[in-house]
C-alpha atoms as a PDB file:
ATOM      1  CA  MET A   1      -0.064   0.183   0.568  1.00  0.00           C
ATOM      2  CA  PRO A   2       1.513   3.653  -1.250  1.00  0.00           C
ATOM      3  CA  SER A   3       2.004   6.011   1.174  1.00  0.00           C
ATOM      4  CA  THR A   4       2.170   9.599   0.902  1.00  0.00           C
ATOM      5  CA  PRO A   5       5.244  11.615   2.549  1.00  0.00           C
ATOM      6  CA  LEU A   6       4.330  13.893   5.225  1.00  0.00           C
ATOM      7  CA  GLY A   7       3.597  17.359   3.860  1.00  0.00           C
ATOM      8  CA  SER A   8       3.827  16.330   0.077  1.00  0.00           C
ATOM      9  CA  ASN A   9       0.876  17.908  -2.134  1.00  0.00           C
ATOM     10  CA  SER A  10      -1.191  15.108  -2.644  1.00  0.00           C
ATOM     11  CA  SER A  11      -3.470  15.868  -5.979  1.00  0.00           C
ATOM     12  CA  SER A  12      -6.700  14.318  -3.871  1.00  0.00           C
ATOM     13  CA  ARG A  13      -9.373  16.890  -2.451  1.00  0.00           C
ATOM     14  CA  SER A  14      -8.014  17.093   0.892  1.00  0.00           C
ATOM     15  CA  GLN A  15     -11.356  17.279   2.735  1.00  0.00           C
ATOM     16  CA  GLN A  16     -14.039  15.622   2.519  1.00  0.00           C
ATOM     17  CA  VAL A  17     -16.436  18.796   3.854  1.00  0.00           C
ATOM     18  CA  PRO A  18     -14.974  21.812   4.164  1.00  0.00           C
ATOM     19  CA  LEU A  19     -14.845  24.093   7.436  1.00  0.00           C
ATOM     20  CA  PRO A  20     -17.803  26.332   8.235  1.00  0.00           C
ATOM     21  CA  TRP A  21     -16.155  29.001   6.895  1.00  0.00           C
ATOM     22  CA  TRP A  22     -19.680  30.410   5.693  1.00  0.00           C
ATOM     23  CA  TYR A  23     -20.293  31.621   9.846  1.00  0.00           C
ATOM     24  CA  GLY A  24     -18.175  34.431   8.255  1.00  0.00           C
ATOM     25  CA  VAL A  25     -20.219  35.233   5.311  1.00  0.00           C
ATOM     26  CA  ALA A  26     -23.803  34.661   7.346  1.00  0.00           C
ATOM     27  CA  ALA A  27     -22.791  37.774   9.170  1.00  0.00           C
ATOM     28  CA  PHE A  28     -23.673  39.869   6.238  1.00  0.00           C
ATOM     29  CA  PRO A  29     -27.187  41.347   7.822  1.00  0.00           C
ATOM     30  CA  ILE A  30     -25.105  43.003  10.403  1.00  0.00           C
ATOM     31  CA  SER A  31     -24.082  45.864   7.730  1.00  0.00           C
ATOM     32  CA  VAL A  32     -27.586  46.057   6.980  1.00  0.00           C
ATOM     33  CA  PHE A  33     -28.601  46.586  10.381  1.00  0.00           C
ATOM     34  CA  LEU A  34     -25.870  49.187  11.352  1.00  0.00           C
ATOM     35  CA  SER A  35     -26.857  50.922   8.378  1.00  0.00           C
ATOM     36  CA  VAL A  36     -30.424  51.746   9.174  1.00  0.00           C
ATOM     37  CA  LEU A  37     -28.822  52.818  13.152  1.00  0.00           C
ATOM     38  CA  ALA A  38     -26.731  55.291  10.567  1.00  0.00           C
ATOM     39  CA  VAL A  39     -29.629  56.503   8.723  1.00  0.00           C
ATOM     40  CA  ALA A  40     -31.263  57.364  12.556  1.00  0.00           C
ATOM     41  CA  ALA A  41     -28.481  58.898  13.407  1.00  0.00           C
ATOM     42  CA  VAL A  42     -28.885  61.373  10.149  1.00  0.00           C
ATOM     43  CA  ALA A  43     -32.073  61.819  10.615  1.00  0.00           C
ATOM     44  CA  GLY A  44     -31.175  63.204  14.157  1.00  0.00           C
ATOM     45  CA  ILE A  45     -28.838  65.148  13.768  1.00  0.00           C
ATOM     46  CA  MET A  46     -31.036  68.397  11.935  1.00  0.00           C
ATOM     47  CA  PRO A  47     -33.527  68.290  14.743  1.00  0.00           C
ATOM     48  CA  ALA A  48     -30.450  68.647  16.965  1.00  0.00           C
ATOM     49  CA  ILE A  49     -28.404  71.570  15.404  1.00  0.00           C
ATOM     50  CA  GLU A  50     -32.172  73.236  14.947  1.00  0.00           C
ATOM     51  CA  ALA A  51     -33.016  72.521  19.006  1.00  0.00           C
ATOM     52  CA  GLU A  52     -29.510  74.538  19.250  1.00  0.00           C
ATOM     53  CA  SER A  53     -27.942  71.334  21.151  1.00  0.00           C
ATOM     54  CA  PRO A  54     -24.651  70.790  20.072  1.00  0.00           C
ATOM     55  CA  GLU A  55     -24.084  68.117  22.220  1.00  0.00           C
ATOM     56  CA  ALA A  56     -27.081  66.119  21.126  1.00  0.00           C
ATOM     57  CA  ALA A  57     -25.465  66.558  17.256  1.00  0.00           C
ATOM     58  CA  LEU A  58     -22.206  65.696  18.044  1.00  0.00           C
ATOM     59  CA  SER A  59     -23.392  62.199  19.946  1.00  0.00           C
ATOM     60  CA  PHE A  60     -25.570  61.819  16.674  1.00  0.00           C
ATOM     61  CA  PHE A  61     -22.277  62.831  14.784  1.00  0.00           C
ATOM     62  CA  ALA A  62     -20.233  60.465  16.555  1.00  0.00           C
ATOM     63  CA  VAL A  63     -22.907  57.414  16.608  1.00  0.00           C
ATOM     64  CA  LEU A  64     -23.173  57.756  12.717  1.00  0.00           C
ATOM     65  CA  PHE A  65     -18.848  57.710  12.850  1.00  0.00           C
ATOM     66  CA  LEU A  66     -19.088  54.560  14.967  1.00  0.00           C
ATOM     67  CA  VAL A  67     -21.953  52.297  12.627  1.00  0.00           C
ATOM     68  CA  ASP A  68     -20.033  53.711   9.555  1.00  0.00           C
ATOM     69  CA  GLY A  69     -16.673  52.126  11.030  1.00  0.00           C
ATOM     70  CA  ILE A  70     -18.468  49.036  12.621  1.00  0.00           C
ATOM     71  CA  SER A  71     -20.284  48.197   9.019  1.00  0.00           C
ATOM     72  CA  LEU A  72     -17.180  48.443   7.243  1.00  0.00           C
ATOM     73  CA  LEU A  73     -15.149  46.153   9.469  1.00  0.00           C
ATOM     74  CA  VAL A  74     -18.096  43.859   8.711  1.00  0.00           C
ATOM     75  CA  GLY A  75     -17.817  43.785   5.186  1.00  0.00           C
ATOM     76  CA  PHE A  76     -14.501  43.463   5.793  1.00  0.00           C
ATOM     77  CA  VAL A  77     -14.993  40.426   8.021  1.00  0.00           C
ATOM     78  CA  VAL A  78     -17.512  38.719   5.161  1.00  0.00           C
ATOM     79  CA  LEU A  79     -15.532  39.567   2.743  1.00  0.00           C
ATOM     80  CA  VAL A  80     -12.219  37.751   3.887  1.00  0.00           C
ATOM     81  CA  PHE A  81     -14.687  34.785   4.866  1.00  0.00           C
ATOM     82  CA  LEU A  82     -16.104  34.760   1.948  1.00  0.00           C
ATOM     83  CA  ALA A  83     -13.151  34.060  -0.215  1.00  0.00           C
ATOM     84  CA  ILE A  84     -12.170  31.448   2.130  1.00  0.00           C
ATOM     85  CA  ASP A  85     -15.337  29.618   2.339  1.00  0.00           C
ATOM     86  CA  VAL A  86     -14.841  29.865  -1.761  1.00  0.00           C
ATOM     87  CA  TYR A  87     -11.103  28.430  -2.222  1.00  0.00           C
ATOM     88  CA  ALA A  88     -12.411  25.575   1.199  1.00  0.00           C
ATOM     89  CA  VAL A  89     -15.235  24.460  -0.609  1.00  0.00           C
ATOM     90  CA  ARG A  90     -13.341  24.358  -4.061  1.00  0.00           C
ATOM     91  CA  GLU A  91     -10.336  22.674  -1.793  1.00  0.00           C
ATOM     92  CA  SER A  92     -13.351  19.725  -0.453  1.00  0.00           C
ATOM     93  CA  SER A  93     -14.131  17.241  -2.137  1.00  0.00           C
ATOM     94  CA  VAL A  94     -17.392  18.295  -2.836  1.00  0.00           C
ATOM     95  CA  THR A  95     -18.715  18.599  -6.209  1.00  0.00           C
ATOM     96  CA  TRP A  96     -20.263  22.123  -6.560  1.00  0.00           C
ATOM     97  CA  ARG A  97     -16.997  24.299  -6.987  1.00  0.00           C
ATOM     98  CA  PRO A  98     -18.256  28.147  -6.128  1.00  0.00           C
ATOM     99  CA  ARG A  99     -16.540  30.588  -8.949  1.00  0.00           C
ATOM    100  CA  TRP A 100     -14.521  33.324  -7.402  1.00  0.00           C
ATOM    101  CA  LEU A 101     -16.627  36.017  -9.159  1.00  0.00           C
ATOM    102  CA  TRP A 102     -18.878  35.056  -5.752  1.00  0.00           C
ATOM    103  CA  VAL A 103     -16.054  36.803  -3.833  1.00  0.00           C
ATOM    104  CA  ALA A 104     -17.022  39.968  -5.915  1.00  0.00           C
ATOM    105  CA  ALA A 105     -20.613  39.806  -3.242  1.00  0.00           C
ATOM    106  CA  GLY A 106     -18.505  40.735  -0.427  1.00  0.00           C
ATOM    107  CA  LEU A 107     -16.785  43.641  -2.537  1.00  0.00           C
ATOM    108  CA  VAL A 108     -20.195  45.063  -3.324  1.00  0.00           C
ATOM    109  CA  HIS A 109     -21.393  44.299   0.344  1.00  0.00           C
ATOM    110  CA  ILE A 110     -17.947  46.569   1.731  1.00  0.00           C
ATOM    111  CA  ALA A 111     -19.559  49.293  -0.843  1.00  0.00           C
ATOM    112  CA  GLY A 112     -22.315  48.997   0.689  1.00  0.00           C
ATOM    113  CA  ALA A 113     -21.147  50.108   3.952  1.00  0.00           C
ATOM    114  CA  LEU A 114     -20.752  53.611   2.207  1.00  0.00           C
ATOM    115  CA  PHE A 115     -23.205  53.562  -0.012  1.00  0.00           C
ATOM    116  CA  SER A 116     -26.640  52.032   0.997  1.00  0.00           C
ATOM    117  CA  LEU A 117     -28.008  51.037  -2.127  1.00  0.00           C
ATOM    118  CA  PHE A 118     -25.470  48.548  -2.713  1.00  0.00           C
ATOM    119  CA  TYR A 119     -27.062  46.376  -0.264  1.00  0.00           C
ATOM    120  CA  VAL A 120     -29.865  45.990  -3.368  1.00  0.00           C
ATOM    121  CA  VAL A 121     -27.353  43.915  -4.670  1.00  0.00           C
ATOM    122  CA  SER A 122     -24.788  42.077  -2.042  1.00  0.00           C
ATOM    123  CA  VAL A 123     -27.469  41.096  -0.109  1.00  0.00           C
ATOM    124  CA  PRO A 124     -29.609  38.764  -2.553  1.00  0.00           C
ATOM    125  CA  LEU A 125     -26.181  37.290  -3.991  1.00  0.00           C
ATOM    126  CA  LEU A 126     -24.756  36.592  -0.517  1.00  0.00           C
ATOM    127  CA  SER A 127     -28.131  34.854   0.452  1.00  0.00           C
ATOM    128  CA  TYR A 128     -28.169  33.709  -2.785  1.00  0.00           C
ATOM    129  CA  TYR A 129     -24.686  32.080  -2.228  1.00  0.00           C
ATOM    130  CA  LEU A 130     -25.864  30.933   1.194  1.00  0.00           C
ATOM    131  CA  TYR A 131     -28.548  28.734   0.030  1.00  0.00           C
ATOM    132  CA  ARG A 132     -26.725  27.122  -2.604  1.00  0.00           C
ATOM    133  CA  ARG A 133     -23.921  26.194  -0.741  1.00  0.00           C
ATOM    134  CA  GLY A 134     -26.383  24.480   2.069  1.00  0.00           C
ATOM    135  CA  LYS A 135     -28.099  22.792  -1.066  1.00  0.00           C
ATOM    136  CA  ARG A 136     -24.664  21.667  -2.565  1.00  0.00           C
ATOM    137  CA  VAL A 137     -22.379  20.995   0.299  1.00  0.00           C
ATOM    138  CA  GLY A 138     -25.369  20.465   3.410  1.00  0.00           C
ATOM    139  CA  SER A 139     -24.115  23.690   5.343  1.00  0.00           C
ATOM    140  CA  PRO A 140     -26.062  25.840   6.313  1.00  0.00           C
ATOM    141  CA  SER A 141     -29.216  24.369   5.793  1.00  0.00           C
ATOM    142  CA  LEU A 142     -31.699  27.026   4.944  1.00  0.00           C
END
């Protein structure tokens, strides 16, 4: 029985089922929720300015800055986990080989943190990726 030496790169697939990197991809709704909070913060800035309350206006700006920063961070995490998940699925022994083009959905999701209209594209794409991954690989089960 032939054996392969440790550390050698074999041509067979490394794992039967890929590791659950999709958990990071499934965090994408957090960015959308944070964008709703950002809209609420923007809506509160003008009344605070009109009420001549600089402290309230600054607090709304601080919330807006914090929420946008966290939304960008979550978008980056989604992008990284999506790329790792696509790689893991492609390297596993499952029959589905997702294209690297799926990573573009993560890039669009990061853009959504800056301009919420991009979520109209990224949320359905990321949802469909997770749905298709679940049907082809077995998890997540939606």
